[in-house]
N, C-alpha and C. Protein backbone atom coordinates (compact mmCIF):
# COMPACT_ATOMS: atom_id res chain seq x y z
N MET A 1 23.84 -48.12 6.89
CA MET A 1 24.63 -47.81 6.58
C MET A 1 25.07 -49.06 4.83
N ALA A 2 23.43 -50.12 4.23
CA ALA A 2 23.68 -50.14 2.71
C ALA A 2 23.28 -48.75 2.17
N LYS A 3 22.43 -47.76 2.41
CA LYS A 3 22.52 -46.86 1.48
C LYS A 3 24.00 -45.57 1.54
N ARG A 4 23.96 -45.42 2.96
CA ARG A 4 25.14 -44.72 3.67
C ARG A 4 26.47 -45.35 1.32
N LEU A 5 26.62 -46.14 1.29
CA LEU A 5 27.64 -48.01 0.89
C LEU A 5 27.16 -47.24 -0.49
N LEU A 6 25.80 -47.44 -0.42
CA LEU A 6 25.89 -46.84 -2.24
C LEU A 6 26.09 -45.94 -2.47
N ALA A 7 25.54 -44.66 -1.56
CA ALA A 7 25.19 -42.56 -2.15
C ALA A 7 26.98 -43.20 -2.72
N ALA A 8 28.02 -42.88 -1.35
CA ALA A 8 28.90 -43.32 -1.82
C ALA A 8 30.16 -43.64 -2.79
N LYS A 9 28.94 -44.56 -3.62
CA LYS A 9 29.51 -45.09 -4.56
C LYS A 9 28.43 -44.43 -6.19
N GLY A 10 27.93 -43.32 -5.36
CA GLY A 10 27.21 -42.37 -6.81
C GLY A 10 26.02 -43.50 -6.46
N ILE A 11 25.28 -44.25 -6.28
CA ILE A 11 24.47 -44.94 -6.42
C ILE A 11 22.68 -44.41 -6.29
N ALA A 12 22.11 -44.17 -6.88
CA ALA A 12 20.53 -43.40 -6.24
C ALA A 12 19.65 -44.76 -6.02
N VAL A 13 19.44 -44.81 -4.73
CA VAL A 13 18.29 -45.64 -3.48
C VAL A 13 17.23 -45.79 -3.91
N GLU A 14 15.76 -46.21 -4.52
CA GLU A 14 14.64 -46.12 -4.30
C GLU A 14 13.92 -46.91 -2.62
N GLU A 15 13.69 -46.52 -1.93
CA GLU A 15 13.21 -47.11 -0.51
C GLU A 15 12.41 -47.35 -1.02
N VAL A 16 11.78 -49.29 -0.14
CA VAL A 16 9.75 -49.11 -0.64
C VAL A 16 9.66 -49.42 1.60
N ALA A 17 9.00 -48.56 1.43
CA ALA A 17 8.91 -49.43 3.17
C ALA A 17 8.09 -49.92 3.67
N VAL A 18 8.64 -51.52 3.84
CA VAL A 18 7.17 -52.26 3.99
C VAL A 18 7.33 -52.18 5.76
N ASP A 19 7.42 -51.46 6.49
CA ASP A 19 7.79 -51.90 7.69
C ASP A 19 6.14 -50.95 7.98
N SER A 20 5.15 -50.28 7.28
CA SER A 20 3.94 -49.73 7.50
C SER A 20 3.09 -49.79 6.63
N ASP A 21 3.37 -51.86 5.74
CA ASP A 21 2.54 -51.35 4.86
C ASP A 21 2.54 -53.05 4.77
N PRO A 22 1.63 -53.85 5.35
CA PRO A 22 0.97 -55.17 5.24
C PRO A 22 1.15 -56.20 4.06
N ALA A 23 0.88 -55.22 2.97
CA ALA A 23 1.39 -55.85 1.37
C ALA A 23 2.55 -55.36 1.27
N ARG A 24 3.01 -54.92 1.47
CA ARG A 24 4.34 -55.19 0.83
C ARG A 24 5.08 -56.27 1.63
N ARG A 25 4.93 -56.28 2.33
CA ARG A 25 5.34 -56.75 3.77
C ARG A 25 5.14 -58.21 2.83
N ILE A 26 4.50 -59.08 2.62
CA ILE A 26 4.72 -59.50 1.91
C ILE A 26 4.82 -60.20 1.07
N GLU A 27 4.34 -58.35 0.04
CA GLU A 27 5.27 -58.81 -1.26
C GLU A 27 6.90 -59.48 -0.72
N MET A 28 8.07 -58.88 -0.35
CA MET A 28 9.34 -57.65 0.21
C MET A 28 10.28 -60.00 0.60
N VAL A 29 8.35 -60.97 1.66
CA VAL A 29 8.75 -61.75 2.10
C VAL A 29 9.11 -62.93 1.23
N ARG A 30 7.04 -62.46 0.07
CA ARG A 30 7.87 -63.75 -1.69
C ARG A 30 8.55 -63.22 -2.16
N ARG A 31 9.17 -62.56 -2.28
CA ARG A 31 10.68 -62.09 -2.53
C ARG A 31 11.66 -63.08 -3.08
N THR A 32 11.68 -62.42 -1.68
CA THR A 32 12.97 -63.36 -0.19
C THR A 32 13.31 -64.08 -0.02
N GLY A 33 11.81 -64.62 0.57
CA GLY A 33 12.04 -65.48 1.33
C GLY A 33 12.90 -64.98 2.81
N ARG A 34 12.37 -63.52 3.00
CA ARG A 34 13.31 -62.60 4.33
C ARG A 34 12.54 -62.00 4.67
N ARG A 35 12.65 -62.29 6.26
CA ARG A 35 12.22 -60.78 6.64
C ARG A 35 12.37 -60.09 7.24
N SER A 36 13.72 -59.62 7.32
CA SER A 36 14.69 -58.85 8.01
C SER A 36 14.83 -57.85 6.54
N VAL A 37 14.80 -56.78 7.65
CA VAL A 37 14.77 -55.30 6.26
C VAL A 37 16.24 -54.82 6.50
N PRO A 38 17.52 -54.31 5.69
CA PRO A 38 16.88 -54.01 4.19
C PRO A 38 16.76 -55.41 3.54
N GLN A 39 16.45 -55.16 2.16
CA GLN A 39 16.37 -56.74 1.09
C GLN A 39 16.94 -55.86 0.21
N ILE A 40 17.64 -55.89 -0.29
CA ILE A 40 18.23 -54.87 -1.14
C ILE A 40 17.85 -55.29 -2.47
N PHE A 41 18.22 -54.91 -3.76
CA PHE A 41 17.67 -55.27 -4.50
C PHE A 41 18.61 -54.48 -6.13
N ILE A 42 19.49 -54.97 -7.10
CA ILE A 42 20.11 -53.78 -7.82
C ILE A 42 19.32 -54.50 -8.44
N GLY A 43 18.84 -54.13 -9.69
CA GLY A 43 18.01 -54.43 -10.80
C GLY A 43 17.18 -54.80 -10.47
N ASP A 44 17.19 -56.27 -10.90
CA ASP A 44 15.58 -57.59 -10.65
C ASP A 44 16.49 -58.61 -9.87
N ARG A 45 18.18 -58.25 -9.27
CA ARG A 45 18.92 -58.83 -8.82
C ARG A 45 18.66 -58.87 -7.08
N HIS A 46 17.46 -59.82 -6.31
CA HIS A 46 17.88 -59.92 -5.60
C HIS A 46 19.29 -60.50 -4.12
N ILE A 47 20.12 -59.32 -3.81
CA ILE A 47 21.25 -59.60 -3.23
C ILE A 47 20.82 -59.56 -1.72
N GLY A 48 20.17 -59.37 -1.54
CA GLY A 48 20.17 -59.83 0.09
C GLY A 48 20.30 -58.46 0.98
N GLY A 49 20.60 -58.70 2.61
CA GLY A 49 21.21 -58.26 3.04
C GLY A 49 22.53 -57.11 2.54
N PHE A 50 22.42 -55.76 3.62
CA PHE A 50 24.32 -54.97 4.45
C PHE A 50 24.38 -56.57 4.28
N GLU A 51 24.43 -56.93 5.13
CA GLU A 51 26.13 -58.25 5.64
C GLU A 51 25.60 -59.09 3.62
N ASP A 52 25.27 -58.74 2.94
CA ASP A 52 25.63 -59.84 1.53
C ASP A 52 26.25 -59.22 0.82
N MET A 53 25.26 -57.31 0.56
CA MET A 53 25.86 -56.26 -0.48
C MET A 53 27.53 -56.48 0.88
N ALA A 54 27.39 -56.63 1.61
CA ALA A 54 29.33 -56.02 2.33
C ALA A 54 30.07 -56.87 1.39
N GLU A 55 29.94 -58.36 1.90
CA GLU A 55 30.73 -59.00 0.88
C GLU A 55 30.91 -59.72 -0.32
N LEU A 56 30.05 -58.80 -1.38
CA LEU A 56 30.35 -58.45 -2.23
C LEU A 56 31.05 -57.84 -2.84
N GLU A 57 31.63 -56.46 -1.93
CA GLU A 57 31.61 -55.45 -2.08
C GLU A 57 32.82 -55.80 -1.97
N HIS A 58 33.35 -56.66 -0.48
CA HIS A 58 34.93 -57.27 -0.21
C HIS A 58 35.31 -57.89 -1.26
N LYS A 59 35.06 -59.14 -1.89
CA LYS A 59 34.67 -59.92 -2.87
C LYS A 59 35.04 -58.94 -4.65
N GLY A 60 34.60 -57.71 -4.42
CA GLY A 60 35.20 -56.70 -5.56
C GLY A 60 34.13 -57.25 -6.62
N GLU A 61 33.32 -57.38 -5.87
CA GLU A 61 31.97 -58.17 -7.01
C GLU A 61 30.75 -56.90 -7.13
N LEU A 62 30.12 -56.45 -6.20
CA LEU A 62 29.76 -55.37 -6.02
C LEU A 62 29.65 -54.13 -7.12
N ASP A 63 31.06 -53.74 -7.50
CA ASP A 63 30.90 -52.74 -8.29
C ASP A 63 30.02 -53.32 -9.88
N PRO A 64 30.99 -53.99 -9.95
CA PRO A 64 30.80 -54.59 -11.96
C PRO A 64 29.35 -54.80 -11.52
N LEU A 65 28.60 -54.96 -10.82
CA LEU A 65 26.93 -55.36 -10.33
C LEU A 65 26.58 -54.12 -11.01
N LEU A 66 27.19 -53.69 -10.14
CA LEU A 66 26.69 -52.10 -10.26
C LEU A 66 26.30 -51.40 -11.52
N ALA A 67 27.70 -52.07 -12.69
CA ALA A 67 27.83 -50.98 -13.51
C ALA A 67 26.92 -51.63 -14.89
N GLN A 68 27.04 -53.41 -14.75
CA GLN A 68 25.84 -53.76 -15.38
C GLN A 68 24.46 -53.32 -15.08
N THR A 69 24.18 -52.47 -14.04
CA THR A 69 22.76 -52.74 -14.18
C THR A 69 22.29 -49.80 -14.81
N ARG A 70 24.05 -50.10 -14.52
CA ARG A 70 24.00 -48.60 -14.72
C ARG A 70 23.64 -48.69 -17.04
N GLY A 71 24.88 -49.87 -16.88
CA GLY A 71 24.61 -50.27 -18.65
C GLY A 71 23.20 -50.65 -18.52
N ALA A 72 22.16 -51.12 -18.40
CA ALA A 72 20.80 -51.59 -18.54
C ALA A 72 20.80 -50.20 -18.63
N SER A 73 20.30 -49.33 -17.62
CA SER A 73 20.05 -48.38 -18.31
C SER A 73 19.06 -47.28 -19.21
């Protein structure tokens, strides 16, 4: 669902599979404090999971955040 929402906004997704890479999973947990997937980052900012991103969308805060990231590229 996260990939679909971002694709609908024209955002390319870089997916890091942590399921098959224990070192990447450890890094994800260290960076986020969470074990569930997906864990979403926009730029260097940790958003959380899909529900967290959907809440930002509902509040109207996701598009401005995405725009900031596009401007930094």
